[in-house]
Amino acid sequence: MVKVKLGDDIVHSKIRFKVRFDFKGEYKPGRFLFGGKPIEQVAQEVRDEQLALLKNIPVQGISFIDCDVSQDPYVVHDETLDEKVAYAPCEITMHADSIEDMIRFVMREEFRKLEILEPPQMLITSKDLERILFRMNEEFKNQLLLLLRKIKR
């Protein structure tokens, strides 16, 4: 729980936040004579798959409130891949017990935007900041390990 100052009192509160992810869909050629799926459809399928994982796998300190998938996928030209890539956006509203619990969401490749809905102000001590930075370092190392595994395949 984070510390919030209400008047002269300091109380503990959960953080309500909204995070936006843009899930990537890349072109995959079809098999045999059949064409592949449109990249917008691939992006939507990736979004649905990842949302199911996020909703159904419990994460300590996090509770899901709402998920908005009403925005349509969009297509951009990726300069590094030199091809079109589709992104399927989604906004998820959640409760977190602490800032450290939020880090796993903002360190994802799909992360685009974070909005803290409640509380409007928080008190962060030096110990809190140390835990936040330590957790960021751990998550960064985990992301690097995942990337190395993908490269070795």
N, C-alpha and C. Protein backbone atom coordinates (compact mmCIF):
# COMPACT_ATOMS: atom_id res chain seq x y z
N MET A 1 0.84 -1.18 0.00
CA MET A 1 0.00 0.00 0.00
C MET A 1 0.89 1.25 0.00
N VAL A 2 0.43 2.26 -0.69
CA VAL A 2 1.17 3.51 -0.72
C VAL A 2 0.63 4.44 0.35
N LYS A 3 1.48 5.35 0.76
CA LYS A 3 1.08 6.31 1.79
C LYS A 3 0.50 7.55 1.13
N VAL A 4 -0.64 7.98 1.64
CA VAL A 4 -1.34 9.16 1.11
C VAL A 4 -1.60 10.09 2.28
N LYS A 5 -1.35 11.37 2.08
CA LYS A 5 -1.58 12.35 3.13
C LYS A 5 -2.95 12.98 2.95
N LEU A 6 -3.81 12.79 3.95
CA LEU A 6 -5.13 13.41 3.97
C LEU A 6 -5.19 14.37 5.15
N GLY A 7 -5.06 15.66 4.86
CA GLY A 7 -4.98 16.64 5.94
C GLY A 7 -3.70 16.44 6.70
N ASP A 8 -3.80 16.17 8.00
CA ASP A 8 -2.62 15.90 8.81
C ASP A 8 -2.37 14.40 8.98
N ASP A 9 -3.29 13.58 8.51
CA ASP A 9 -3.16 12.13 8.67
C ASP A 9 -2.50 11.50 7.45
N ILE A 10 -1.78 10.43 7.71
CA ILE A 10 -1.19 9.64 6.63
C ILE A 10 -1.89 8.28 6.65
N VAL A 11 -2.52 7.94 5.51
CA VAL A 11 -3.25 6.68 5.41
C VAL A 11 -2.65 5.84 4.29
N HIS A 12 -2.94 4.55 4.31
CA HIS A 12 -2.48 3.64 3.27
C HIS A 12 -3.61 3.43 2.26
N SER A 13 -3.24 3.41 1.00
CA SER A 13 -4.24 3.29 -0.06
C SER A 13 -3.67 2.46 -1.21
N LYS A 14 -4.57 1.86 -1.98
CA LYS A 14 -4.17 1.17 -3.20
C LYS A 14 -4.06 2.20 -4.32
N ILE A 15 -3.36 1.82 -5.37
CA ILE A 15 -3.20 2.68 -6.54
C ILE A 15 -4.16 2.17 -7.62
N ARG A 16 -4.99 3.05 -8.12
CA ARG A 16 -5.84 2.69 -9.26
C ARG A 16 -5.21 3.34 -10.48
N PHE A 17 -4.90 2.54 -11.48
CA PHE A 17 -4.21 3.07 -12.65
C PHE A 17 -4.73 2.44 -13.93
N LYS A 18 -4.48 3.14 -15.03
CA LYS A 18 -4.86 2.66 -16.36
C LYS A 18 -3.60 2.57 -17.19
N VAL A 19 -3.41 1.45 -17.83
CA VAL A 19 -2.23 1.23 -18.66
C VAL A 19 -2.70 0.89 -20.07
N ARG A 20 -1.98 1.44 -21.07
CA ARG A 20 -2.32 1.15 -22.46
C ARG A 20 -1.22 0.29 -23.07
N PHE A 21 -1.66 -0.79 -23.70
CA PHE A 21 -0.77 -1.66 -24.44
C PHE A 21 -1.17 -1.64 -25.90
N ASP A 22 -0.19 -1.67 -26.80
CA ASP A 22 -0.43 -1.83 -28.22
C ASP A 22 0.23 -3.15 -28.63
N PHE A 23 -0.59 -4.17 -28.85
CA PHE A 23 -0.07 -5.50 -29.17
C PHE A 23 0.23 -5.60 -30.65
N LYS A 24 1.39 -6.11 -30.96
CA LYS A 24 1.94 -6.13 -32.31
C LYS A 24 1.51 -7.38 -33.07
N GLY A 25 1.12 -7.17 -34.32
CA GLY A 25 0.80 -8.28 -35.21
C GLY A 25 1.66 -8.17 -36.46
N GLU A 26 2.46 -9.18 -36.72
CA GLU A 26 3.35 -9.16 -37.88
C GLU A 26 2.82 -10.08 -38.95
N TYR A 27 3.16 -9.79 -40.19
CA TYR A 27 2.72 -10.59 -41.32
C TYR A 27 3.37 -11.98 -41.28
N LYS A 28 2.53 -12.99 -41.44
CA LYS A 28 3.02 -14.36 -41.52
C LYS A 28 2.50 -14.94 -42.83
N PRO A 29 3.38 -15.40 -43.69
CA PRO A 29 2.92 -15.95 -44.97
C PRO A 29 2.07 -17.20 -44.76
N GLY A 30 1.10 -17.39 -45.66
CA GLY A 30 0.21 -18.55 -45.57
C GLY A 30 0.91 -19.82 -45.99
N ARG A 31 0.26 -20.93 -45.69
CA ARG A 31 0.80 -22.23 -46.06
C ARG A 31 0.20 -22.68 -47.38
N PHE A 32 0.98 -23.32 -48.18
CA PHE A 32 0.57 -23.87 -49.46
C PHE A 32 -0.06 -22.80 -50.34
N LEU A 33 -1.25 -23.01 -50.82
CA LEU A 33 -1.89 -22.07 -51.73
C LEU A 33 -2.72 -21.02 -51.01
N PHE A 34 -2.94 -21.23 -49.72
CA PHE A 34 -3.80 -20.32 -48.97
C PHE A 34 -3.00 -19.13 -48.49
N GLY A 35 -3.61 -17.96 -48.54
CA GLY A 35 -2.95 -16.75 -48.09
C GLY A 35 -2.94 -16.66 -46.57
N GLY A 36 -2.07 -15.83 -46.07
CA GLY A 36 -2.00 -15.61 -44.63
C GLY A 36 -3.12 -14.71 -44.16
N LYS A 37 -3.24 -14.57 -42.87
CA LYS A 37 -4.26 -13.70 -42.29
C LYS A 37 -3.83 -12.24 -42.46
N PRO A 38 -4.80 -11.33 -42.53
CA PRO A 38 -4.44 -9.91 -42.52
C PRO A 38 -3.74 -9.55 -41.21
N ILE A 39 -2.78 -8.63 -41.27
CA ILE A 39 -2.00 -8.32 -40.06
C ILE A 39 -2.86 -7.69 -38.97
N GLU A 40 -3.94 -7.00 -39.34
CA GLU A 40 -4.85 -6.45 -38.34
C GLU A 40 -5.49 -7.57 -37.52
N GLN A 41 -5.87 -8.65 -38.20
CA GLN A 41 -6.48 -9.79 -37.53
C GLN A 41 -5.46 -10.49 -36.63
N VAL A 42 -4.22 -10.59 -37.10
CA VAL A 42 -3.16 -11.19 -36.29
C VAL A 42 -2.95 -10.37 -35.02
N ALA A 43 -2.94 -9.04 -35.15
CA ALA A 43 -2.75 -8.16 -33.99
C ALA A 43 -3.90 -8.34 -33.00
N GLN A 44 -5.12 -8.44 -33.50
CA GLN A 44 -6.27 -8.65 -32.61
C GLN A 44 -6.18 -9.99 -31.89
N GLU A 45 -5.73 -11.03 -32.59
CA GLU A 45 -5.58 -12.33 -31.97
C GLU A 45 -4.50 -12.33 -30.90
N VAL A 46 -3.40 -11.62 -31.16
CA VAL A 46 -2.33 -11.50 -30.16
C VAL A 46 -2.87 -10.75 -28.95
N ARG A 47 -3.63 -9.67 -29.20
CA ARG A 47 -4.21 -8.90 -28.09
C ARG A 47 -5.14 -9.78 -27.26
N ASP A 48 -6.02 -10.52 -27.90
CA ASP A 48 -6.96 -11.38 -27.17
C ASP A 48 -6.23 -12.44 -26.35
N GLU A 49 -5.18 -13.01 -26.95
CA GLU A 49 -4.40 -14.04 -26.26
C GLU A 49 -3.69 -13.46 -25.03
N GLN A 50 -3.05 -12.31 -25.21
CA GLN A 50 -2.32 -11.69 -24.10
C GLN A 50 -3.27 -11.20 -23.00
N LEU A 51 -4.44 -10.68 -23.38
CA LEU A 51 -5.42 -10.24 -22.38
C LEU A 51 -5.93 -11.42 -21.57
N ALA A 52 -6.15 -12.54 -22.22
CA ALA A 52 -6.60 -13.73 -21.50
C ALA A 52 -5.55 -14.15 -20.47
N LEU A 53 -4.28 -14.09 -20.86
CA LEU A 53 -3.21 -14.42 -19.92
C LEU A 53 -3.17 -13.43 -18.76
N LEU A 54 -3.26 -12.13 -19.08
CA LEU A 54 -3.19 -11.11 -18.03
C LEU A 54 -4.37 -11.22 -17.06
N LYS A 55 -5.54 -11.53 -17.58
CA LYS A 55 -6.73 -11.60 -16.72
C LYS A 55 -6.77 -12.88 -15.90
N ASN A 56 -6.33 -13.99 -16.48
CA ASN A 56 -6.54 -15.29 -15.83
C ASN A 56 -5.38 -15.79 -14.99
N ILE A 57 -4.21 -15.20 -15.18
CA ILE A 57 -3.08 -15.60 -14.35
C ILE A 57 -2.96 -14.60 -13.20
N PRO A 58 -3.17 -15.04 -11.98
CA PRO A 58 -3.14 -14.10 -10.85
C PRO A 58 -1.74 -13.50 -10.65
N VAL A 59 -1.72 -12.22 -10.38
CA VAL A 59 -0.48 -11.51 -10.10
C VAL A 59 -0.61 -10.93 -8.69
N GLN A 60 0.34 -11.25 -7.85
CA GLN A 60 0.28 -10.77 -6.47
C GLN A 60 0.32 -9.25 -6.44
N GLY A 61 -0.61 -8.65 -5.70
CA GLY A 61 -0.64 -7.21 -5.54
C GLY A 61 -1.42 -6.49 -6.62
N ILE A 62 -1.96 -7.21 -7.61
CA ILE A 62 -2.68 -6.60 -8.73
C ILE A 62 -4.08 -7.19 -8.81
N SER A 63 -5.07 -6.33 -9.02
CA SER A 63 -6.43 -6.81 -9.32
C SER A 63 -6.97 -6.03 -10.51
N PHE A 64 -7.57 -6.75 -11.44
CA PHE A 64 -8.09 -6.14 -12.66
C PHE A 64 -9.48 -5.58 -12.42
N ILE A 65 -9.73 -4.41 -12.98
CA ILE A 65 -11.03 -3.75 -12.84
C ILE A 65 -11.78 -3.80 -14.16
N ASP A 66 -11.13 -3.33 -15.23
CA ASP A 66 -11.82 -3.20 -16.51
C ASP A 66 -10.81 -3.30 -17.64
N CYS A 67 -11.31 -3.65 -18.81
CA CYS A 67 -10.47 -3.74 -20.00
C CYS A 67 -11.25 -3.14 -21.18
N ASP A 68 -10.64 -2.20 -21.90
CA ASP A 68 -11.27 -1.55 -23.03
C ASP A 68 -10.53 -1.93 -24.31
N VAL A 69 -11.19 -2.67 -25.19
CA VAL A 69 -10.61 -3.08 -26.47
C VAL A 69 -11.39 -2.48 -27.63
N SER A 70 -12.04 -1.35 -27.39
CA SER A 70 -12.91 -0.76 -28.40
C SER A 70 -12.15 -0.07 -29.54
N GLN A 71 -10.88 0.26 -29.33
CA GLN A 71 -10.12 0.93 -30.39
C GLN A 71 -9.72 -0.07 -31.46
N ASP A 72 -9.82 0.38 -32.71
CA ASP A 72 -9.49 -0.48 -33.84
C ASP A 72 -7.99 -0.60 -34.01
N PRO A 73 -7.54 -1.72 -34.55
CA PRO A 73 -6.10 -1.87 -34.85
C PRO A 73 -5.67 -0.84 -35.90
N TYR A 74 -4.41 -0.48 -35.85
CA TYR A 74 -3.86 0.45 -36.84
C TYR A 74 -2.58 -0.14 -37.42
N VAL A 75 -2.25 0.29 -38.63
CA VAL A 75 -1.10 -0.25 -39.35
C VAL A 75 -0.08 0.86 -39.58
N VAL A 76 1.19 0.54 -39.34
CA VAL A 76 2.29 1.47 -39.60
C VAL A 76 3.39 0.72 -40.35
N HIS A 77 4.26 1.50 -40.95
CA HIS A 77 5.41 0.90 -41.65
C HIS A 77 6.59 0.88 -40.68
N ASP A 78 7.11 -0.30 -40.41
CA ASP A 78 8.25 -0.47 -39.52
C ASP A 78 9.53 -0.34 -40.34
N GLU A 79 10.31 0.69 -40.04
CA GLU A 79 11.54 0.96 -40.80
C GLU A 79 12.59 -0.15 -40.61
N THR A 80 12.68 -0.70 -39.40
CA THR A 80 13.71 -1.71 -39.15
C THR A 80 13.40 -3.02 -39.86
N LEU A 81 12.12 -3.39 -39.91
CA LEU A 81 11.73 -4.62 -40.61
C LEU A 81 11.42 -4.36 -42.08
N ASP A 82 11.23 -3.10 -42.44
CA ASP A 82 10.87 -2.67 -43.79
C ASP A 82 9.61 -3.38 -44.28
N GLU A 83 8.60 -3.41 -43.39
CA GLU A 83 7.31 -3.98 -43.76
C GLU A 83 6.23 -3.37 -42.88
N LYS A 84 4.99 -3.64 -43.24
CA LYS A 84 3.86 -3.12 -42.47
C LYS A 84 3.67 -3.97 -41.21
N VAL A 85 3.33 -3.27 -40.13
CA VAL A 85 3.07 -3.93 -38.85
C VAL A 85 1.78 -3.36 -38.30
N ALA A 86 0.93 -4.21 -37.76
CA ALA A 86 -0.33 -3.76 -37.17
C ALA A 86 -0.22 -3.81 -35.65
N TYR A 87 -0.92 -2.87 -35.02
CA TYR A 87 -0.98 -2.83 -33.56
C TYR A 87 -2.44 -2.80 -33.13
N ALA A 88 -2.78 -3.61 -32.14
CA ALA A 88 -4.12 -3.65 -31.58
C ALA A 88 -4.07 -3.06 -30.18
N PRO A 89 -4.59 -1.84 -29.99
CA PRO A 89 -4.51 -1.19 -28.68
C PRO A 89 -5.55 -1.72 -27.69
N CYS A 90 -5.22 -1.57 -26.42
CA CYS A 90 -6.13 -1.94 -25.35
C CYS A 90 -5.74 -1.17 -24.10
N GLU A 91 -6.74 -0.75 -23.35
CA GLU A 91 -6.51 -0.04 -22.08
C GLU A 91 -7.06 -0.89 -20.95
N ILE A 92 -6.23 -1.12 -19.95
CA ILE A 92 -6.62 -1.96 -18.81
C ILE A 92 -6.57 -1.10 -17.55
N THR A 93 -7.65 -1.13 -16.78
CA THR A 93 -7.69 -0.43 -15.50
C THR A 93 -7.50 -1.47 -14.39
N MET A 94 -6.59 -1.15 -13.45
CA MET A 94 -6.23 -2.10 -12.40
C MET A 94 -6.04 -1.39 -11.07
N HIS A 95 -6.02 -2.20 -10.02
CA HIS A 95 -5.60 -1.76 -8.68
C HIS A 95 -4.26 -2.41 -8.39
N ALA A 96 -3.36 -1.65 -7.79
CA ALA A 96 -2.07 -2.19 -7.36
C ALA A 96 -1.86 -1.86 -5.89
N ASP A 97 -1.26 -2.79 -5.18
CA ASP A 97 -0.95 -2.55 -3.77
C ASP A 97 0.20 -1.57 -3.61
N SER A 98 1.14 -1.58 -4.58
CA SER A 98 2.31 -0.70 -4.48
C SER A 98 2.81 -0.35 -5.86
N ILE A 99 3.73 0.59 -5.92
CA ILE A 99 4.34 0.99 -7.19
C ILE A 99 5.16 -0.16 -7.76
N GLU A 100 5.83 -0.92 -6.90
CA GLU A 100 6.63 -2.06 -7.36
C GLU A 100 5.79 -3.07 -8.13
N ASP A 101 4.54 -3.25 -7.72
CA ASP A 101 3.65 -4.19 -8.41
C ASP A 101 3.30 -3.72 -9.82
N MET A 102 3.34 -2.43 -10.06
CA MET A 102 3.01 -1.86 -11.37
C MET A 102 4.15 -2.01 -12.37
N ILE A 103 5.36 -2.20 -11.89
CA ILE A 103 6.55 -2.16 -12.75
C ILE A 103 6.50 -3.24 -13.82
N ARG A 104 6.01 -4.43 -13.51
CA ARG A 104 5.98 -5.49 -14.51
C ARG A 104 5.14 -5.12 -15.72
N PHE A 105 4.19 -4.20 -15.55
CA PHE A 105 3.35 -3.79 -16.68
C PHE A 105 4.00 -2.69 -17.51
N VAL A 106 4.70 -1.78 -16.86
CA VAL A 106 5.31 -0.67 -17.62
C VAL A 106 6.64 -1.07 -18.26
N MET A 107 7.18 -2.23 -17.90
CA MET A 107 8.43 -2.69 -18.50
C MET A 107 8.19 -3.62 -19.69
N ARG A 108 6.94 -3.82 -20.05
CA ARG A 108 6.62 -4.68 -21.20
C ARG A 108 6.87 -3.95 -22.51
N GLU A 109 7.18 -4.70 -23.53
CA GLU A 109 7.42 -4.14 -24.86
C GLU A 109 6.16 -3.46 -25.41
N GLU A 110 5.00 -3.98 -25.07
CA GLU A 110 3.74 -3.44 -25.58
C GLU A 110 3.29 -2.17 -24.89
N PHE A 111 3.93 -1.81 -23.79
CA PHE A 111 3.53 -0.65 -23.00
C PHE A 111 3.61 0.64 -23.82
N ARG A 112 2.57 1.49 -23.72
CA ARG A 112 2.55 2.78 -24.40
C ARG A 112 2.27 3.95 -23.46
N LYS A 113 1.38 3.76 -22.48
CA LYS A 113 0.95 4.90 -21.67
C LYS A 113 0.49 4.42 -20.29
N LEU A 114 0.73 5.27 -19.29
CA LEU A 114 0.29 4.98 -17.94
C LEU A 114 -0.42 6.21 -17.39
N GLU A 115 -1.55 5.99 -16.75
CA GLU A 115 -2.29 7.08 -16.11
C GLU A 115 -2.66 6.64 -14.70
N ILE A 116 -2.19 7.39 -13.70
CA ILE A 116 -2.54 7.11 -12.31
C ILE A 116 -3.87 7.80 -12.04
N LEU A 117 -4.88 7.01 -11.71
CA LEU A 117 -6.22 7.55 -11.47
C LEU A 117 -6.43 7.94 -10.01
N GLU A 118 -5.91 7.13 -9.11
CA GLU A 118 -6.01 7.41 -7.67
C GLU A 118 -4.79 6.83 -6.98
N PRO A 119 -4.28 7.39 -5.98
CA PRO A 119 -4.56 8.68 -5.35
C PRO A 119 -3.87 9.81 -6.13
N PRO A 120 -4.32 11.04 -5.94
CA PRO A 120 -3.71 12.15 -6.68
C PRO A 120 -2.29 12.47 -6.23
N GLN A 121 -1.95 12.13 -4.98
CA GLN A 121 -0.60 12.36 -4.46
C GLN A 121 -0.20 11.16 -3.60
N MET A 122 1.12 10.86 -3.62
CA MET A 122 1.65 9.76 -2.81
C MET A 122 2.91 10.24 -2.09
N LEU A 123 3.16 9.66 -0.94
CA LEU A 123 4.40 9.92 -0.21
C LEU A 123 5.34 8.75 -0.46
N ILE A 124 6.52 9.06 -0.97
CA ILE A 124 7.50 8.01 -1.25
C ILE A 124 8.74 8.29 -0.41
N THR A 125 9.11 7.33 0.43
CA THR A 125 10.31 7.47 1.25
C THR A 125 11.51 6.97 0.46
N SER A 126 12.69 7.18 1.02
CA SER A 126 13.90 6.71 0.35
C SER A 126 13.91 5.18 0.25
N LYS A 127 13.38 4.50 1.27
CA LYS A 127 13.28 3.03 1.23
C LYS A 127 12.33 2.58 0.12
N ASP A 128 11.22 3.30 -0.05
CA ASP A 128 10.28 2.99 -1.12
C ASP A 128 10.96 3.13 -2.48
N LEU A 129 11.71 4.19 -2.64
CA LEU A 129 12.41 4.43 -3.91
C LEU A 129 13.46 3.35 -4.16
N GLU A 130 14.16 2.92 -3.12
CA GLU A 130 15.13 1.84 -3.27
C GLU A 130 14.46 0.56 -3.75
N ARG A 131 13.29 0.22 -3.16
CA ARG A 131 12.56 -0.98 -3.58
C ARG A 131 12.07 -0.86 -5.02
N ILE A 132 11.62 0.31 -5.41
CA ILE A 132 11.14 0.54 -6.78
C ILE A 132 12.28 0.34 -7.78
N LEU A 133 13.41 0.96 -7.51
CA LEU A 133 14.56 0.85 -8.42
C LEU A 133 15.09 -0.58 -8.47
N PHE A 134 15.11 -1.27 -7.34
CA PHE A 134 15.55 -2.66 -7.30
C PHE A 134 14.62 -3.52 -8.15
N ARG A 135 13.31 -3.31 -8.01
CA ARG A 135 12.32 -4.08 -8.78
C ARG A 135 12.46 -3.79 -10.28
N MET A 136 12.74 -2.54 -10.64
CA MET A 136 12.95 -2.19 -12.05
C MET A 136 14.15 -2.93 -12.61
N ASN A 137 15.21 -3.01 -11.82
CA ASN A 137 16.41 -3.72 -12.24
C ASN A 137 16.11 -5.20 -12.46
N GLU A 138 15.38 -5.82 -11.53
CA GLU A 138 15.00 -7.22 -11.68
C GLU A 138 14.18 -7.45 -12.93
N GLU A 139 13.22 -6.60 -13.18
CA GLU A 139 12.35 -6.75 -14.36
C GLU A 139 13.14 -6.55 -15.64
N PHE A 140 14.08 -5.61 -15.62
CA PHE A 140 14.94 -5.38 -16.79
C PHE A 140 15.77 -6.62 -17.10
N LYS A 141 16.33 -7.23 -16.07
CA LYS A 141 17.12 -8.46 -16.25
C LYS A 141 16.25 -9.58 -16.82
N ASN A 142 15.03 -9.71 -16.32
CA ASN A 142 14.11 -10.73 -16.83
C ASN A 142 13.79 -10.50 -18.30
N GLN A 143 13.59 -9.25 -18.69
CA GLN A 143 13.30 -8.93 -20.09
C GLN A 143 14.49 -9.27 -20.97
N LEU A 144 15.71 -8.99 -20.49
CA LEU A 144 16.91 -9.34 -21.25
C LEU A 144 17.04 -10.85 -21.42
N LEU A 145 16.75 -11.62 -20.38
CA LEU A 145 16.81 -13.08 -20.48
C LEU A 145 15.80 -13.61 -21.50
N LEU A 146 14.60 -13.04 -21.49
CA LEU A 146 13.59 -13.46 -22.48
C LEU A 146 14.05 -13.14 -23.89
N LEU A 147 14.65 -11.99 -24.07
CA LEU A 147 15.15 -11.60 -25.39
C LEU A 147 16.27 -12.53 -25.85
N LEU A 148 17.17 -12.87 -24.95
CA LEU A 148 18.25 -13.79 -25.30
C LEU A 148 17.71 -15.17 -25.68
N ARG A 149 16.68 -15.63 -24.99
CA ARG A 149 16.08 -16.92 -25.34
C ARG A 149 15.46 -16.88 -26.72
N LYS A 150 14.82 -15.76 -27.07
CA LYS A 150 14.21 -15.63 -28.39
C LYS A 150 15.28 -15.62 -29.47
N ILE A 151 16.39 -14.98 -29.21
CA ILE A 151 17.47 -14.89 -30.18
C ILE A 151 18.11 -16.26 -30.42
N LYS A 152 18.24 -17.06 -29.38
CA LYS A 152 18.89 -18.37 -29.49
C LYS A 152 18.04 -19.40 -30.22
N ARG A 153 16.75 -19.15 -30.38
CA ARG A 153 15.87 -20.13 -31.07
C ARG A 153 16.16 -20.20 -32.50
